[in-house]
């Protein structure tokens, strides 16, 4: 009976965990459909590379602004309030894309969409963390991430196909419908209350300090992500390379395959077993894209980036949440995803300038430098952490 109770306590696949994964799948499907199509839409409206970078980037910056507030409200008004409001804002803003004919209106709608995205993704990461047993957090976050990854497997390709076969309005309407499905499923979840703290609140409580290291490392990796999401479809089109839809599909399936294994590896051996191998593969992907010459190189980059990012991202998220107090999980997730947003937004805007001045291939060489910075920082930080632990141990033995 004791063993049975222990197994029940450590169970990942509960009813609510299945629902939160399904809800996450549909919101990511809607998001992923717009990811490769929005740069093409901006291009059709007459926007240049700098404007593409601005419209992609402003979305992430508006998400960044709302995340600290969302992190607090998760612990006060609860998970349900933040998640459902965030999903509703996302649905309305994406549906409005179908009626947009000016870059200025699109820019404003991206700001609104970013607010909804920032609220919903901060909330859903915290909800998943609530539901996963602490001893299986790395594995559980890997499975949770599979929902978004599965959406990546067909979302971008579906969006690109719909733009060609139908038009942008229908594409955005279907993306909004996916968001609506996410909202309906989210309403069925039983939410746990937040762990309220009796400690005095800081006046400017904008981050969780225990999540800063993994968040910093993620920032430099997701700068590269910003370059891919903003300009890869246009880069492939410029080189007359087909298969951009296959790129996103291979990337997603690579993520899907590697996430459960990398999560278990993190639970057993920690981030040291996952981070450097994963970032090295991301580095290879960026170098590959900077030298892009044919479809096979495009697919190889998707494979490298998928396996690398699928290893690193859930490990960093588990690391960010693992050290946070229970009443600060919402803020830890907010800190982590704020770094994600800031990296993608900074990358999109910075690489927009690079694309305008030098060309698309230089974007990915700059991305390779950004990934290398993350690797060097990791080695420096973990070396100092090891020295600190050794110093503490030697003091205890005296």
Protein backbone atom coordinates (compact mmCIF):
# COMPACT_ATOMS: atom_id res chain seq x y z
CA UNK A 1 0.00 0.00 0.00
CA UNK A 2 2.88 2.32 0.85
CA UNK A 3 4.52 1.72 -2.54
CA UNK A 4 1.18 2.26 -4.31
CA UNK A 5 0.70 5.57 -2.48
CA UNK A 6 4.24 6.61 -3.42
CA UNK A 7 3.64 5.79 -7.10
CA UNK A 8 0.39 7.76 -7.07
CA UNK A 9 2.17 10.75 -5.55
CA UNK A 10 4.88 10.68 -8.25
CA UNK A 11 2.42 10.21 -11.13
CA UNK A 12 2.81 12.72 -13.98
CA UNK A 13 -0.12 11.87 -16.27
CA UNK A 14 -3.12 13.08 -14.29
CA UNK A 15 -6.38 14.38 -15.79
CA UNK A 16 -5.40 18.01 -15.25
CA UNK A 17 -1.89 17.49 -16.65
CA UNK A 18 -3.41 16.03 -19.85
CA UNK A 19 -5.74 19.04 -20.12
CA UNK A 20 -2.95 21.55 -19.57
CA UNK A 21 -0.87 19.82 -22.26
CA UNK A 22 -3.82 19.89 -24.70
CA UNK A 23 -4.50 23.56 -23.98
CA UNK A 24 -0.82 24.34 -24.48
CA UNK A 25 -0.84 22.39 -27.76
CA UNK A 26 -3.68 24.43 -29.27
CA UNK A 27 -2.37 27.85 -28.23
CA UNK A 28 1.05 26.96 -29.62
CA UNK A 29 -0.57 25.70 -32.84
CA UNK A 30 -2.23 29.09 -33.32
CA UNK A 31 1.01 30.89 -32.48
CA UNK A 32 3.15 28.68 -34.73
CA UNK A 33 0.85 29.25 -37.71
CA UNK A 34 1.59 32.98 -37.51
CA UNK A 35 5.33 32.57 -36.91
CA UNK A 36 6.56 32.11 -40.52
CA UNK A 37 3.59 33.84 -42.16
CA UNK A 38 3.77 37.23 -40.42
CA UNK A 39 7.12 38.21 -42.02
CA UNK A 40 5.57 37.38 -45.42
CA UNK A 41 2.46 39.39 -44.50
CA UNK A 42 4.57 42.42 -43.51
CA UNK A 43 6.47 42.06 -46.78
CA UNK A 44 3.16 42.04 -48.70
CA UNK A 45 2.04 45.18 -46.88
CA UNK A 46 5.22 46.91 -48.05
CA UNK A 47 7.36 46.59 -44.91
CA UNK A 48 11.15 46.25 -45.18
CA UNK A 49 13.54 44.07 -43.15
CA UNK A 50 13.80 46.58 -40.29
CA UNK A 51 10.00 46.71 -40.03
CA UNK A 52 9.78 42.90 -40.01
CA UNK A 53 12.24 42.87 -37.11
CA UNK A 54 10.26 45.57 -35.29
CA UNK A 55 6.91 43.78 -35.66
CA UNK A 56 8.36 40.45 -34.49
CA UNK A 57 10.31 42.15 -31.71
CA UNK A 58 7.54 44.36 -30.30
CA UNK A 59 5.44 41.24 -29.64
CA UNK A 60 8.11 39.81 -27.38
CA UNK A 61 8.76 43.12 -25.62
CA UNK A 62 5.08 43.60 -24.76
CA UNK A 63 5.07 40.01 -23.42
CA UNK A 64 8.17 40.91 -21.42
CA UNK A 65 6.46 43.92 -19.83
CA UNK A 66 3.41 41.94 -18.65
CA UNK A 67 5.24 38.87 -17.25
CA UNK A 68 6.31 40.30 -13.84
CA UNK A 69 2.72 41.48 -13.22
CA UNK A 70 1.43 38.08 -14.33
CA UNK A 71 3.88 36.37 -11.96
CA UNK A 72 2.47 38.32 -8.99
CA UNK A 73 -1.17 37.87 -9.94
CA UNK A 74 -0.65 34.10 -10.28
CA UNK A 75 0.02 34.04 -6.53
CA UNK A 76 -2.79 36.47 -5.56
CA UNK A 77 -5.78 36.16 -7.90
CA UNK A 78 -4.77 32.65 -8.92
CA UNK A 79 -3.73 30.62 -11.98
CA UNK A 80 -7.19 30.45 -13.59
CA UNK A 81 -7.64 34.24 -13.81
CA UNK A 82 -4.27 34.91 -15.48
CA UNK A 83 -4.42 31.96 -17.89
CA UNK A 84 -7.97 32.46 -19.15
CA UNK A 85 -7.61 36.25 -19.56
CA UNK A 86 -4.31 35.79 -21.38
CA UNK A 87 -5.78 33.23 -23.78
CA UNK A 88 -8.82 35.44 -24.49
CA UNK A 89 -6.61 38.44 -25.33
CA UNK A 90 -4.49 36.25 -27.63
CA UNK A 91 -7.56 34.93 -29.50
CA UNK A 92 -9.07 38.38 -30.10
CA UNK A 93 -5.80 39.92 -31.32
CA UNK A 94 -4.98 37.10 -33.76
CA UNK A 95 -8.54 37.08 -35.12
CA UNK A 96 -8.19 40.83 -35.78
CA UNK A 97 -5.19 40.14 -38.08
CA UNK A 98 -7.71 38.90 -40.66
CA UNK A 99 -9.09 42.45 -41.00
CA UNK A 100 -5.73 44.27 -40.96
CA UNK A 101 -4.54 46.18 -44.02
CA UNK A 102 -1.96 48.57 -42.54
CA UNK A 103 1.40 48.04 -40.89
CA UNK A 104 0.54 50.50 -38.09
CA UNK A 105 -2.57 48.53 -37.08
CA UNK A 106 -0.63 45.27 -37.32
CA UNK A 107 2.04 46.77 -35.06
CA UNK A 108 -0.59 47.70 -32.44
CA UNK A 109 -2.23 44.28 -32.62
CA UNK A 110 1.16 42.63 -32.08
CA UNK A 111 1.51 44.63 -28.87
CA UNK A 112 -1.88 43.34 -27.69
CA UNK A 113 -1.06 39.77 -28.75
CA UNK A 114 2.21 39.97 -26.82
CA UNK A 115 0.31 40.90 -23.65
CA UNK A 116 -1.97 37.87 -24.03
CA UNK A 117 0.95 35.60 -24.85
CA UNK A 118 2.99 36.83 -21.89
CA UNK A 119 0.13 36.21 -19.47
CA UNK A 120 -0.88 32.80 -20.84
CA UNK A 121 2.61 31.29 -21.17
CA UNK A 122 3.70 32.51 -17.73
CA UNK A 123 0.55 30.99 -16.25
CA UNK A 124 0.67 27.66 -18.09
CA UNK A 125 4.30 27.03 -17.15
CA UNK A 126 3.41 27.60 -13.50
CA UNK A 127 0.28 25.42 -13.73
CA UNK A 128 2.36 22.58 -15.21
CA UNK A 129 4.95 23.02 -12.43
CA UNK A 130 2.16 22.73 -9.82
CA UNK A 131 1.00 19.43 -11.30
CA UNK A 132 4.39 17.69 -11.79
CA UNK A 133 5.93 15.80 -8.83
CA UNK A 134 9.16 17.56 -7.71
CA UNK A 135 11.30 14.43 -8.16
CA UNK A 136 10.21 14.13 -11.79
CA UNK A 137 10.21 17.84 -12.68
CA UNK A 138 12.77 17.63 -15.47
CA UNK A 139 10.97 14.67 -17.06
CA UNK A 140 7.56 16.27 -16.55
CA UNK A 141 8.60 19.59 -18.08
CA UNK A 142 10.00 17.63 -21.02
CA UNK A 143 6.60 15.97 -21.59
CA UNK A 144 4.82 19.29 -21.09
CA UNK A 145 7.08 20.89 -23.69
CA UNK A 146 6.13 18.14 -26.15
CA UNK A 147 2.68 19.71 -26.49
CA UNK A 148 4.15 22.92 -27.85
CA UNK A 149 6.66 20.93 -29.88
CA UNK A 150 3.96 18.86 -31.54
CA UNK A 151 2.25 22.11 -32.54
CA UNK A 152 5.54 23.17 -34.14
CA UNK A 153 5.49 19.99 -36.21
CA UNK A 154 2.56 21.13 -38.31
CA UNK A 155 1.72 24.74 -37.33
CA UNK A 156 4.31 26.60 -39.46
CA UNK A 157 3.88 24.24 -42.44
CA UNK A 158 0.07 24.55 -42.19
CA UNK A 159 0.31 28.34 -42.01
CA UNK A 160 2.58 28.53 -45.06
CA UNK A 161 0.34 26.12 -47.00
CA UNK A 162 -2.80 28.12 -46.18
CA UNK A 163 -1.17 31.36 -47.31
CA UNK A 164 -0.42 29.76 -50.70
CA UNK A 165 -3.69 27.81 -51.12
CA UNK A 166 -6.05 30.39 -49.54
CA UNK A 167 -4.95 33.78 -48.15
CA UNK A 168 -3.64 35.52 -45.02
CA UNK A 169 -7.14 36.25 -43.63
CA UNK A 170 -8.15 32.57 -43.57
CA UNK A 171 -4.77 31.62 -42.10
CA UNK A 172 -5.17 34.06 -39.20
CA UNK A 173 -8.80 33.03 -38.63
CA UNK A 174 -7.81 29.37 -38.25
CA UNK A 175 -4.95 30.37 -35.92
CA UNK A 176 -7.48 32.26 -33.77
CA UNK A 177 -9.76 29.19 -33.73
CA UNK A 178 -6.87 27.12 -32.34
CA UNK A 179 -6.54 29.71 -29.56
CA UNK A 180 -10.26 29.43 -28.85
CA UNK A 181 -9.94 25.63 -28.50
CA UNK A 182 -7.12 26.22 -26.00
CA UNK A 183 -9.35 28.58 -24.00
CA UNK A 184 -12.24 26.07 -23.84
CA UNK A 185 -9.96 23.26 -22.62
CA UNK A 186 -8.29 25.59 -20.10
CA UNK A 187 -11.68 26.30 -18.53
CA UNK A 188 -11.97 22.57 -17.63
CA UNK A 189 -8.75 22.41 -15.59
CA UNK A 190 -8.84 22.21 -11.77
CA UNK A 191 -6.38 24.88 -10.66
CA UNK A 192 -4.35 24.76 -7.48
CA UNK A 193 -4.16 27.93 -5.37
CA UNK A 194 -0.86 29.78 -5.19
CA UNK A 195 1.45 29.48 -2.19
CA UNK A 196 1.05 32.91 -0.58
CA UNK A 197 4.01 34.37 1.22
CA UNK A 198 3.84 36.25 4.54
CA UNK A 199 7.18 37.92 3.84
CA UNK A 200 7.07 41.65 3.01
CA UNK A 201 6.82 42.37 -0.71
CA UNK A 202 9.59 44.28 -2.46
CA UNK A 203 8.45 47.55 -4.03
CA UNK A 204 10.00 46.69 -7.39
CA UNK A 205 9.59 42.93 -7.51
CA UNK A 206 10.32 42.26 -11.18
CA UNK A 207 12.22 38.96 -11.10
CA UNK A 208 13.07 35.86 -9.08
CA UNK A 209 16.78 35.88 -8.26
CA UNK A 210 17.12 32.07 -8.18
CA UNK A 211 16.10 31.97 -11.87
CA UNK A 212 18.54 34.61 -13.10
CA UNK A 213 21.40 32.31 -14.15
CA UNK A 214 19.36 29.98 -16.41
CA UNK A 215 17.45 33.03 -17.70
CA UNK A 216 20.68 34.79 -18.68
CA UNK A 217 21.95 31.70 -20.51
CA UNK A 218 18.63 31.36 -22.31
CA UNK A 219 18.73 35.00 -23.47
CA UNK A 220 21.78 34.48 -25.69
CA UNK A 221 20.36 31.25 -27.12
CA UNK A 222 16.98 32.72 -27.98
CA UNK A 223 18.60 35.64 -29.80
CA UNK A 224 19.42 33.00 -32.42
CA UNK A 225 15.79 31.85 -32.29
CA UNK A 226 14.71 35.41 -33.11
CA UNK A 227 16.86 35.39 -36.23
CA UNK A 228 15.31 32.14 -37.46
CA UNK A 229 11.68 33.01 -36.82
CA UNK A 230 11.95 36.46 -38.40
CA UNK A 231 14.03 35.93 -41.51
CA UNK A 232 14.50 32.28 -42.44
CA UNK A 233 11.46 32.11 -44.78
CA UNK A 234 12.67 35.21 -46.64
CA UNK A 235 16.28 33.93 -46.66
CA UNK A 236 15.24 30.60 -48.20
CA UNK A 237 13.06 32.41 -50.74
CA UNK A 238 15.96 34.68 -51.72
CA UNK A 239 18.20 31.63 -52.32
CA UNK A 240 15.42 29.80 -54.22
CA UNK A 241 15.59 26.95 -51.70
CA UNK A 242 12.33 25.08 -51.21
CA UNK A 243 11.37 23.09 -48.12
CA UNK A 244 11.00 25.84 -45.54
CA UNK A 245 7.87 24.05 -44.30
CA UNK A 246 9.96 20.90 -43.89
CA UNK A 247 12.49 22.87 -41.84
CA UNK A 248 9.90 23.62 -39.16
CA UNK A 249 8.54 20.06 -39.25
CA UNK A 250 11.98 18.42 -38.84
CA UNK A 251 12.85 20.96 -36.14
CA UNK A 252 9.67 20.11 -34.23
CA UNK A 253 10.03 16.33 -34.50
CA UNK A 254 13.65 16.59 -33.34
CA UNK A 255 12.47 18.54 -30.31
CA UNK A 256 9.74 15.99 -29.69
CA UNK A 257 12.07 13.01 -29.73
CA UNK A 258 14.79 14.50 -27.54
CA UNK A 259 12.74 16.26 -24.82
CA UNK A 260 11.76 13.20 -22.70
CA UNK A 261 15.31 11.84 -22.74
CA UNK A 262 16.94 15.18 -21.93
CA UNK A 263 14.44 15.70 -19.10
CA UNK A 264 15.34 12.35 -17.50
CA UNK A 265 19.03 13.11 -18.00
CA UNK A 266 18.58 16.43 -16.20
CA UNK A 267 16.78 14.71 -13.28
CA UNK A 268 19.61 12.19 -12.93
CA UNK A 269 22.75 14.21 -13.66
CA UNK A 270 21.73 17.88 -13.66
CA UNK A 271 22.24 20.63 -16.22
CA UNK A 272 25.94 19.83 -16.74
CA UNK A 273 24.99 16.70 -18.70
CA UNK A 274 22.62 18.60 -20.99
CA UNK A 275 23.64 22.22 -21.53
CA UNK A 276 26.98 22.12 -23.35
CA UNK A 277 26.13 19.26 -25.75
CA UNK A 278 22.85 20.97 -26.58
CA UNK A 279 24.33 24.43 -27.17
CA UNK A 280 27.10 22.92 -29.32
CA UNK A 281 24.44 21.48 -31.65
CA UNK A 282 22.69 24.88 -31.78
CA UNK A 283 26.04 26.44 -32.71
CA UNK A 284 26.44 23.94 -35.57
CA UNK A 285 22.93 24.83 -36.80
CA UNK A 286 23.77 28.55 -36.93
CA UNK A 287 27.00 27.94 -38.85
CA UNK A 288 25.12 25.66 -41.25
CA UNK A 289 22.49 28.37 -41.91
CA UNK A 290 25.13 31.04 -42.45
CA UNK A 291 26.57 28.86 -45.28
CA UNK A 292 23.15 27.71 -46.57
CA UNK A 293 23.32 26.45 -50.17
CA UNK A 294 20.63 23.78 -50.61
CA UNK A 295 17.63 22.07 -49.06
CA UNK A 296 19.71 19.34 -47.40
CA UNK A 297 21.68 21.94 -45.45
CA UNK A 298 18.37 23.51 -44.38
CA UNK A 299 17.10 20.15 -43.07
CA UNK A 300 20.44 19.47 -41.31
CA UNK A 301 20.18 22.83 -39.54
CA UNK A 302 16.64 21.96 -38.44
CA UNK A 303 17.87 18.65 -36.99
CA UNK A 304 20.81 20.20 -35.13
CA UNK A 305 18.76 23.10 -33.79
CA UNK A 306 15.85 20.85 -32.81
CA UNK A 307 17.95 18.37 -30.84
CA UNK A 308 20.03 21.15 -29.27
CA UNK A 309 17.17 23.44 -28.27
CA UNK A 310 15.01 20.48 -27.21
CA UNK A 311 17.76 19.47 -24.78
CA UNK A 312 18.62 22.89 -23.41
CA UNK A 313 15.28 24.70 -23.02
CA UNK A 314 13.43 22.27 -20.67
CA UNK A 315 16.60 21.76 -18.62
CA UNK A 316 17.01 25.51 -18.14
CA UNK A 317 13.32 25.90 -17.25
CA UNK A 318 13.49 23.09 -14.68
CA UNK A 319 16.68 24.68 -13.29
CA UNK A 320 14.94 28.07 -13.05
CA UNK A 321 11.95 26.68 -11.12
CA UNK A 322 13.76 24.03 -9.05
CA UNK A 323 15.57 26.47 -6.76
CA UNK A 324 12.65 28.89 -6.32
CA UNK A 325 10.49 28.85 -3.15
CA UNK A 326 6.99 27.41 -3.71
CA UNK A 327 5.40 30.83 -3.40
CA UNK A 328 7.80 32.20 -6.07
CA UNK A 329 7.26 29.64 -8.83
CA UNK A 330 5.07 32.06 -10.78
CA UNK A 331 7.77 34.73 -10.61
CA UNK A 332 10.49 32.19 -11.51
CA UNK A 333 8.55 31.23 -14.64
CA UNK A 334 7.97 34.92 -15.38
CA UNK A 335 11.73 35.57 -15.10
CA UNK A 336 12.54 32.60 -17.33
CA UNK A 337 10.05 33.48 -20.08
CA UNK A 338 10.92 37.19 -19.86
CA UNK A 339 14.45 36.20 -20.80
CA UNK A 340 13.05 34.12 -23.68
CA UNK A 341 11.03 37.12 -24.90
CA UNK A 342 13.90 39.55 -24.49
CA UNK A 343 16.24 37.27 -26.44
CA UNK A 344 13.82 36.73 -29.34
CA UNK A 345 12.83 40.40 -29.46
CA UNK A 346 16.39 41.70 -29.28
CA UNK A 347 17.49 39.17 -31.90
CA UNK A 348 14.65 40.06 -34.27
CA UNK A 349 15.34 43.81 -34.08
CA UNK A 350 19.14 43.53 -34.13
CA UNK A 351 19.15 41.03 -36.98
CA UNK A 352 16.70 43.18 -38.93
CA UNK A 353 19.39 45.87 -39.04
CA UNK A 354 22.06 43.30 -39.97
CA UNK A 355 19.86 41.92 -42.78
CA UNK A 356 19.31 45.43 -44.16
CA UNK A 357 22.99 46.36 -44.05
CA UNK A 358 24.77 43.09 -44.88
CA UNK A 359 22.28 40.36 -45.87
CA UNK A 360 20.54 37.34 -44.40
CA UNK A 361 23.51 34.95 -44.12
CA UNK A 362 25.32 37.30 -41.71
CA UNK A 363 22.34 37.02 -39.32
CA UNK A 364 23.23 33.41 -38.59
CA UNK A 365 26.95 34.04 -38.14
CA UNK A 366 26.01 36.69 -35.56
CA UNK A 367 23.66 34.11 -33.99
CA UNK A 368 26.58 31.67 -33.73
CA UNK A 369 28.51 34.31 -31.77
CA UNK A 370 25.53 34.78 -29.44
CA UNK A 371 25.32 31.02 -28.74
CA UNK A 372 29.08 30.92 -28.09
CA UNK A 373 28.68 33.70 -25.50
CA UNK A 374 26.08 31.55 -23.70
CA UNK A 375 28.50 28.59 -23.62
CA UNK A 376 31.37 30.71 -22.27
CA UNK A 377 29.11 32.26 -19.62
CA UNK A 378 27.94 28.80 -18.54
CA UNK A 379 31.52 27.57 -18.08
CA UNK A 380 32.43 30.71 -16.12
CA UNK A 381 29.34 30.60 -13.88
CA UNK A 382 29.47 26.86 -13.13
CA UNK A 383 33.20 27.06 -12.39
CA UNK A 384 32.53 29.81 -9.82
CA UNK A 385 29.61 27.80 -8.39
CA UNK A 386 31.92 24.78 -7.95
CA UNK A 387 34.60 26.91 -6.27
CA UNK A 388 31.94 28.38 -3.94
CA UNK A 389 30.67 24.91 -2.99
CA UNK A 390 34.20 23.67 -2.31
CA UNK A 391 34.91 26.72 -0.12
CA UNK A 392 31.70 26.13 1.87
CA UNK A 393 32.55 22.45 2.34
CA UNK A 394 36.07 23.22 3.57
CA UNK A 395 34.71 25.75 6.07
CA UNK A 396 32.26 23.15 7.43
CA UNK A 397 35.08 20.63 8.05
CA UNK A 398 37.11 23.09 10.10
